[in-house]
Amino acid sequence: MRQKALVLLWILASIVGLGGCGKNSSHYVYAAIPAASQLAVFREDPYSGVLTQLSTSPYTVGSGAQSVVIHPSGKYLYVANSGQGENDVSLFDINSDGTVTEVYPRAPVGTLPFLLAMDPAGSYLYVANALSNNISVFSIAGGSGALTPVTGSPFQINLSPKSMQLAPSGNFLYVSAPSSPTGVIAVFGVTAGVLSSSPVGLTSTADTDPSDIAINPAGSYLYTANSTTSSISIYSIAASGVLTEVPQSPLADNYKSPVALIVDATGSYLYVANQGSDNIATYSITAGTGFPVVITDSPFGSENQPSFLAADPNGKYLFVGNQTGSAAIQAFGVSSGSLNSIATYSVGNSPTSIAVLP
């Protein structure tokens, strides 16, 4: 009798387990479409990478919705609205079926907010404001996702930010900006969301207008896409946050106008979107030096003018936003750095940012 009871318990546990797998089988992809002031939402099949747009999508959001980021809890989503007269950040609750519900009021920020970043703990949200040359920072309420400006926000940085990345530790904020005779990467110390009054480091780049920056998961190397010179700069990151360019950097990309890059979750591969060549180049990252080496079958053709990259949290898929022509999201399968195009999904107008919910 006891044996039968144990078998019954095992069967019930298996059913519950299968139910849990079914619940977690759907990932969701969120894309900002600024020209239409919309948020497009797709269900991602984790087994194939195929996207299916939700029946309630797209959602009308703030004017000029430019950037989107998801809280680590998976409960909240934030959108930077850069439209004329808007200049704020929207908070959305994420429902269990991937749909979203906006929570008002929107949080005002500086002029032309176009980049969002969040620390790994989900305690602070950083907003780069391109025209007011400052960074707005908010603390995030754990129970509601509500935003409260930290003391001193917004922080004037005297630079027009082009790209922004937080160190994995959350202790440093890296901002790339155009300058003359060379562009710069400014490093700001961060304490409880408060930025240092001046950069702890200021590094010249190989381009007057560095397009994008990415940091490996270990926080030991930073990469910069130099669109004008068609190259990639590589820097080691010291414990102080200061950058030092590694030997043989910058690396010639061999393709035109690299504008976006991303390091995979394992720190093994670097993906680069080459807008002028309509392709994605893949590099393996050399352990110990951080130097990228192009893989054998790279590059991989993309739709017209790829402009930004987003990775599935499980590392199985890569999503590419295209600015012209198809104005679409292209999904790729990933295997040891190699890419296999799955499908292209039109969103009507050019997307500018993607966030993926596990």
Protein backbone atom coordinates (compact mmCIF):
# COMPACT_ATOMS: atom_id res chain seq x y z
CA MET A 1 0.00 0.00 0.00
CA ARG A 2 2.83 2.36 0.91
CA GLN A 3 4.54 1.53 -2.37
CA LYS A 4 1.37 2.43 -4.31
CA ALA A 5 1.14 5.73 -2.41
CA LEU A 6 4.74 6.57 -3.26
CA VAL A 7 4.10 5.79 -6.92
CA LEU A 8 1.02 8.03 -6.86
CA LEU A 9 3.03 10.86 -5.28
CA TRP A 10 5.73 10.46 -7.93
CA ILE A 11 3.12 10.66 -10.70
CA LEU A 12 1.57 13.77 -9.18
CA ALA A 13 4.99 15.39 -8.81
CA SER A 14 5.74 14.61 -12.43
CA ILE A 15 2.49 16.22 -13.53
CA VAL A 16 3.26 19.33 -11.49
CA GLY A 17 6.75 19.40 -12.94
CA LEU A 18 5.43 19.17 -16.46
CA GLY A 19 2.95 21.92 -15.72
CA GLY A 20 5.78 24.10 -14.46
CA CYS A 21 7.79 23.39 -17.61
CA GLY A 22 4.80 24.36 -19.70
CA LYS A 23 4.42 27.59 -17.79
CA ASN A 24 8.06 28.46 -18.26
CA SER A 25 8.21 27.35 -21.88
CA SER A 26 7.10 30.75 -23.19
CA HIS A 27 9.64 33.54 -23.25
CA TYR A 28 8.58 37.05 -24.27
CA VAL A 29 10.32 39.62 -26.46
CA TYR A 30 9.59 43.36 -26.12
CA ALA A 31 10.61 45.89 -28.79
CA ALA A 32 10.45 49.69 -28.70
CA ILE A 33 9.14 51.29 -31.93
CA PRO A 34 9.71 55.07 -31.54
CA ALA A 35 8.23 56.28 -34.84
CA ALA A 36 4.87 54.73 -33.91
CA SER A 37 5.22 55.26 -30.13
CA GLN A 38 4.58 51.56 -29.65
CA LEU A 39 5.79 48.53 -27.74
CA ALA A 40 5.64 45.33 -29.78
CA VAL A 41 5.39 42.09 -27.78
CA PHE A 42 6.11 38.57 -29.03
CA ARG A 43 5.98 35.11 -27.51
CA GLU A 44 9.26 33.28 -28.11
CA ASP A 45 9.24 29.52 -28.47
CA PRO A 46 12.34 28.49 -26.47
CA TYR A 47 12.72 25.32 -28.53
CA SER A 48 12.74 26.95 -31.97
CA GLY A 49 13.23 30.68 -31.43
CA VAL A 50 10.12 31.38 -33.50
CA LEU A 51 8.27 34.56 -32.48
CA THR A 52 4.50 35.00 -32.41
CA GLN A 53 3.12 38.48 -31.83
CA LEU A 54 0.56 38.70 -29.01
CA SER A 55 -2.99 39.54 -30.05
CA THR A 56 -2.89 42.62 -27.79
CA SER A 57 0.34 43.86 -29.41
CA PRO A 58 1.47 46.44 -30.26
CA TYR A 59 0.77 48.63 -27.24
CA THR A 60 0.55 52.40 -27.50
CA VAL A 61 3.14 53.84 -25.13
CA GLY A 62 4.80 57.22 -24.52
CA SER A 63 5.75 59.43 -27.44
CA GLY A 64 8.94 58.29 -29.16
CA ALA A 65 9.43 55.16 -27.05
CA GLN A 66 13.16 54.62 -27.53
CA SER A 67 14.55 52.07 -25.06
CA VAL A 68 13.18 49.18 -23.02
CA VAL A 69 14.58 47.24 -20.05
CA ILE A 70 13.16 44.47 -17.83
CA HIS A 71 13.59 44.18 -14.07
CA PRO A 72 15.51 41.05 -12.94
CA SER A 73 12.39 39.83 -11.13
CA GLY A 74 10.56 39.66 -14.46
CA LYS A 75 7.68 41.64 -12.95
CA TYR A 76 8.35 45.13 -14.32
CA LEU A 77 9.27 46.73 -17.62
CA TYR A 78 10.49 50.28 -18.22
CA VAL A 79 10.37 52.36 -21.41
CA ALA A 80 12.24 55.62 -22.09
CA ASN A 81 9.99 58.02 -24.02
CA SER A 82 12.03 60.58 -25.96
CA GLY A 83 9.28 62.23 -28.00
CA GLN A 84 8.95 66.00 -28.20
CA GLY A 85 7.48 67.26 -24.94
CA GLU A 86 7.42 63.76 -23.43
CA ASN A 87 10.87 63.13 -21.85
CA ASP A 88 9.84 60.58 -19.27
CA VAL A 89 9.99 56.89 -18.31
CA SER A 90 6.99 54.56 -18.24
CA LEU A 91 6.57 51.66 -15.81
CA PHE A 92 4.64 48.55 -16.88
CA ASP A 93 3.58 45.54 -14.85
CA ILE A 94 4.35 42.32 -16.75
CA ASN A 95 1.47 39.85 -16.53
CA SER A 96 1.89 36.07 -16.49
CA ASP A 97 0.85 35.82 -20.16
CA GLY A 98 3.46 38.37 -21.29
CA THR A 99 0.97 41.21 -21.68
CA VAL A 100 1.77 44.51 -19.98
CA THR A 101 -0.21 47.10 -18.04
CA GLU A 102 1.10 50.64 -17.61
CA VAL A 103 1.32 52.06 -14.10
CA TYR A 104 0.96 55.84 -13.92
CA PRO A 105 2.30 58.46 -13.44
CA ARG A 106 5.33 58.47 -15.75
CA ALA A 107 8.63 59.61 -14.24
CA PRO A 108 10.05 62.84 -15.74
CA VAL A 109 13.72 62.82 -16.80
CA GLY A 110 16.10 65.02 -18.83
CA THR A 111 15.83 65.94 -22.49
CA LEU A 112 15.82 63.12 -25.08
CA PRO A 113 16.09 60.01 -22.88
CA PHE A 114 17.25 57.24 -25.20
CA LEU A 115 19.16 54.66 -23.14
CA LEU A 116 18.22 52.64 -20.05
CA ALA A 117 20.45 50.54 -17.80
CA MET A 118 19.76 48.66 -14.59
CA ASP A 119 22.07 47.20 -11.95
CA PRO A 120 22.06 43.38 -11.60
CA ALA A 121 20.14 43.55 -8.31
CA GLY A 122 17.37 45.64 -9.87
CA SER A 123 17.80 48.38 -7.28
CA TYR A 124 18.51 51.34 -9.59
CA LEU A 125 17.48 52.49 -13.05
CA TYR A 126 19.82 54.74 -15.07
CA VAL A 127 18.55 56.95 -17.90
CA ALA A 128 20.91 58.62 -20.40
CA ASN A 129 19.55 61.96 -21.63
CA ALA A 130 21.25 62.89 -24.91
CA LEU A 131 20.32 66.57 -25.24
CA SER A 132 20.57 67.66 -21.60
CA ASN A 133 23.97 65.90 -21.22
CA ASN A 134 23.02 64.19 -17.98
CA ILE A 135 22.06 60.88 -16.36
CA SER A 136 18.84 60.48 -14.38
CA VAL A 137 18.94 57.79 -11.68
CA PHE A 138 16.00 56.26 -9.81
CA SER A 139 15.75 53.81 -6.94
CA ILE A 140 13.30 50.99 -7.66
CA ALA A 141 10.73 49.93 -5.08
CA GLY A 142 10.93 46.16 -4.66
CA GLY A 143 7.21 45.59 -4.15
CA SER A 144 5.86 47.78 -6.92
CA GLY A 145 8.66 48.75 -9.29
CA ALA A 146 7.90 52.42 -8.63
CA LEU A 147 10.67 54.92 -9.38
CA THR A 148 12.03 57.52 -6.95
CA PRO A 149 14.83 59.91 -8.01
CA VAL A 150 18.02 59.41 -5.98
CA THR A 151 19.53 62.42 -4.27
CA GLY A 152 21.31 64.66 -6.78
CA SER A 153 19.60 63.23 -9.88
CA PRO A 154 19.93 64.07 -12.71
CA PHE A 155 23.74 64.05 -12.72
CA GLN A 156 25.43 66.42 -15.15
CA ILE A 157 28.23 64.67 -17.06
CA ASN A 158 29.11 67.44 -19.55
CA LEU A 159 29.03 64.91 -22.37
CA SER A 160 26.36 63.93 -24.87
CA PRO A 161 26.02 60.18 -24.13
CA LYS A 162 26.06 57.84 -27.12
CA SER A 163 26.14 54.53 -25.25
CA MET A 164 25.97 53.50 -21.59
CA GLN A 165 26.82 50.30 -19.71
CA LEU A 166 26.99 49.38 -16.03
CA ALA A 167 29.78 47.18 -14.77
CA PRO A 168 28.44 43.77 -13.65
CA SER A 169 29.34 44.78 -10.08
CA GLY A 170 27.12 47.88 -10.38
CA ASN A 171 29.98 50.00 -9.00
CA PHE A 172 30.89 51.81 -12.23
CA LEU A 173 28.97 53.40 -15.08
CA TYR A 174 30.65 53.65 -18.50
CA VAL A 175 29.47 56.31 -20.95
CA SER A 176 30.76 56.75 -24.50
CA ALA A 177 30.43 60.14 -26.16
CA PRO A 178 31.51 61.95 -29.33
CA SER A 179 34.38 64.39 -28.93
CA SER A 180 37.24 65.92 -30.88
CA PRO A 181 39.92 64.99 -31.85
CA THR A 182 38.78 61.57 -30.52
CA GLY A 183 35.68 60.22 -28.83
CA VAL A 184 35.82 59.34 -25.14
CA ILE A 185 34.65 56.77 -22.64
CA ALA A 186 33.95 58.29 -19.25
CA VAL A 187 33.96 56.11 -16.13
CA PHE A 188 31.83 57.22 -13.18
CA GLY A 189 31.94 55.65 -9.74
CA VAL A 190 28.53 54.61 -8.42
CA THR A 191 27.48 54.43 -4.75
CA ALA A 192 23.84 53.56 -4.01
CA GLY A 193 22.90 54.96 -7.42
CA VAL A 194 24.77 58.24 -6.91
CA LEU A 195 27.35 59.06 -9.59
CA SER A 196 30.76 60.47 -8.74
CA SER A 197 30.92 64.24 -9.30
CA SER A 198 33.57 63.76 -11.99
CA PRO A 199 34.81 60.77 -14.00
CA VAL A 200 37.24 58.44 -12.23
CA GLY A 201 38.64 57.75 -15.69
CA LEU A 202 38.45 59.34 -19.13
CA THR A 203 39.73 57.26 -22.06
CA SER A 204 40.18 58.34 -25.68
CA THR A 205 38.76 56.05 -28.37
CA ALA A 206 39.81 55.26 -31.94
CA ASP A 207 36.77 57.10 -33.29
CA THR A 208 35.41 60.61 -32.95
CA ASP A 209 31.95 59.13 -32.41
CA PRO A 210 32.13 55.68 -30.72
CA SER A 211 28.85 53.91 -31.48
CA ASP A 212 28.38 51.32 -28.76
CA ILE A 213 30.09 49.68 -25.79
CA ALA A 214 29.79 46.22 -24.24
CA ILE A 215 31.30 44.61 -21.12
CA ASN A 216 31.98 40.90 -20.60
CA PRO A 217 30.08 39.18 -17.74
CA ALA A 218 33.21 38.99 -15.57
CA GLY A 219 33.61 42.77 -15.78
CA SER A 220 37.22 42.44 -16.94
CA TYR A 221 37.02 43.74 -20.54
CA LEU A 222 35.16 46.50 -22.35
CA TYR A 223 34.62 46.66 -26.13
CA THR A 224 33.82 49.68 -28.28
CA ALA A 225 32.35 49.73 -31.79
CA ASN A 226 34.06 52.42 -33.87
CA SER A 227 31.68 53.01 -36.78
CA THR A 228 33.68 55.67 -38.64
CA THR A 229 36.98 53.78 -38.58
CA SER A 230 35.31 50.33 -38.91
CA SER A 231 37.20 48.88 -35.96
CA ILE A 232 36.71 47.47 -32.46
CA SER A 233 38.65 48.76 -29.46
CA ILE A 234 39.40 46.47 -26.53
CA TYR A 235 40.15 47.65 -22.99
CA SER A 236 41.00 45.83 -19.79
CA ILE A 237 39.13 47.04 -16.71
CA ALA A 238 41.07 47.63 -13.51
CA ALA A 239 39.63 47.17 -10.02
CA SER A 240 39.36 50.97 -9.89
CA GLY A 241 37.17 50.90 -13.01
CA VAL A 242 39.83 52.62 -15.12
CA LEU A 243 40.35 51.36 -18.69
CA THR A 244 43.62 50.37 -20.35
CA GLU A 245 43.71 49.56 -24.06
CA VAL A 246 45.07 46.07 -24.67
CA PRO A 247 47.96 45.36 -27.12
CA GLN A 248 46.98 45.24 -30.84
CA SER A 249 43.79 47.21 -30.18
CA PRO A 250 41.91 48.51 -32.11
CA LEU A 251 41.04 45.47 -34.18
CA ALA A 252 40.07 46.08 -37.80
CA ASP A 253 36.50 44.81 -38.18
CA ASN A 254 36.94 44.22 -41.94
CA TYR A 255 33.31 45.24 -42.44
CA LYS A 256 31.70 48.65 -42.75
CA SER A 257 30.29 50.72 -39.92
CA PRO A 258 30.09 48.50 -36.82
CA VAL A 259 27.41 50.20 -34.74
CA ALA A 260 26.43 47.69 -32.05
CA LEU A 261 28.03 44.83 -30.15
CA ILE A 262 27.20 42.39 -27.40
CA VAL A 263 29.11 39.76 -25.39
CA ASP A 264 27.29 36.47 -24.82
CA ALA A 265 26.34 35.33 -21.31
CA THR A 266 29.33 32.97 -21.08
CA GLY A 267 31.85 35.64 -22.06
CA SER A 268 33.03 33.42 -24.92
CA TYR A 269 31.75 35.31 -27.97
CA LEU A 270 31.46 38.86 -29.21
CA TYR A 271 28.75 39.69 -31.78
CA VAL A 272 29.08 42.85 -33.88
CA ALA A 273 26.37 44.43 -36.07
CA ASN A 274 27.95 45.99 -39.18
CA GLN A 275 25.43 48.46 -40.50
CA GLY A 276 27.36 49.30 -43.66
CA SER A 277 27.88 45.66 -44.64
CA ASP A 278 24.47 44.25 -43.66
CA ASN A 279 25.94 41.45 -41.58
CA ILE A 280 26.73 40.20 -38.08
CA ALA A 281 30.34 39.27 -37.34
CA THR A 282 31.17 36.78 -34.58
CA TYR A 283 34.43 36.68 -32.66
CA SER A 284 35.63 34.19 -30.07
CA ILE A 285 37.12 35.93 -27.03
CA THR A 286 40.61 34.80 -26.06
CA ALA A 287 40.77 33.81 -22.38
CA GLY A 288 43.28 35.85 -20.41
CA THR A 289 43.63 38.66 -22.95
CA GLY A 290 40.02 39.43 -23.94
CA PHE A 291 41.14 39.79 -27.56
CA PRO A 292 38.50 38.87 -30.19
CA VAL A 293 39.35 36.39 -32.97
CA VAL A 294 36.92 36.06 -35.87
CA ILE A 295 35.34 32.59 -36.10
CA THR A 296 35.67 30.53 -39.29
CA ASP A 297 32.19 30.98 -40.80
CA SER A 298 31.72 34.64 -39.84
CA PRO A 299 30.15 36.99 -40.95
CA PHE A 300 26.46 36.12 -41.16
CA GLY A 301 24.14 38.02 -43.48
CA SER A 302 21.39 40.12 -41.94
CA GLU A 303 18.53 42.31 -43.12
CA ASN A 304 19.35 45.87 -44.20
CA GLN A 305 21.28 48.06 -41.77
CA PRO A 306 21.36 46.05 -38.55
CA SER A 307 21.49 48.58 -35.74
CA PHE A 308 21.28 46.81 -32.38
CA LEU A 309 21.55 43.37 -30.81
CA ALA A 310 19.78 41.56 -27.97
CA ALA A 311 20.48 38.07 -26.63
CA ASP A 312 18.08 35.52 -25.25
CA PRO A 313 18.96 34.97 -21.54
CA ASN A 314 19.52 31.26 -22.21
CA GLY A 315 22.07 32.06 -24.93
CA LYS A 316 20.19 30.08 -27.61
CA TYR A 317 19.00 32.99 -29.75
CA LEU A 318 20.17 36.39 -30.94
CA PHE A 319 17.79 39.15 -32.03
CA VAL A 320 18.77 41.92 -34.44
CA GLY A 321 16.91 45.19 -34.99
CA ASN A 322 17.06 46.63 -38.52
CA GLN A 323 16.62 50.34 -39.17
CA THR A 324 15.66 50.54 -42.84
CA GLY A 325 14.22 48.38 -45.60
CA SER A 326 12.44 45.63 -43.70
CA ALA A 327 12.15 47.67 -40.45
CA ALA A 328 12.03 44.37 -38.66
CA ILE A 329 13.39 42.07 -35.98
CA GLN A 330 15.50 39.19 -37.23
CA ALA A 331 15.91 36.09 -35.07
CA PHE A 332 19.00 33.89 -35.22
CA GLY A 333 19.74 30.55 -33.61
CA VAL A 334 23.14 30.41 -31.88
CA SER A 335 25.53 27.45 -31.78
CA SER A 336 29.15 27.91 -30.65
CA GLY A 337 29.08 31.47 -31.96
CA SER A 338 27.66 30.50 -35.38
CA LEU A 339 24.35 32.05 -36.40
CA ASN A 340 21.46 30.49 -38.28
CA SER A 341 18.71 32.83 -39.46
CA ILE A 342 15.31 31.66 -38.20
CA ALA A 343 12.90 34.31 -39.47
CA THR A 344 12.36 38.05 -39.89
CA TYR A 345 9.40 39.77 -38.24
CA SER A 346 8.14 43.08 -39.59
CA VAL A 347 7.14 45.66 -36.99
CA GLY A 348 6.10 48.42 -39.39
CA ASN A 349 8.64 50.99 -38.24
CA SER A 350 12.28 50.74 -37.22
CA PRO A 351 12.79 49.18 -33.75
CA THR A 352 15.47 50.70 -31.52
CA SER A 353 15.62 48.41 -28.49
CA ILE A 354 14.73 44.86 -27.47
CA ALA A 355 14.40 43.22 -24.05
CA VAL A 356 13.79 39.50 -23.53
CA LEU A 357 11.89 38.04 -20.58
CA PRO A 358 12.91 34.46 -19.60
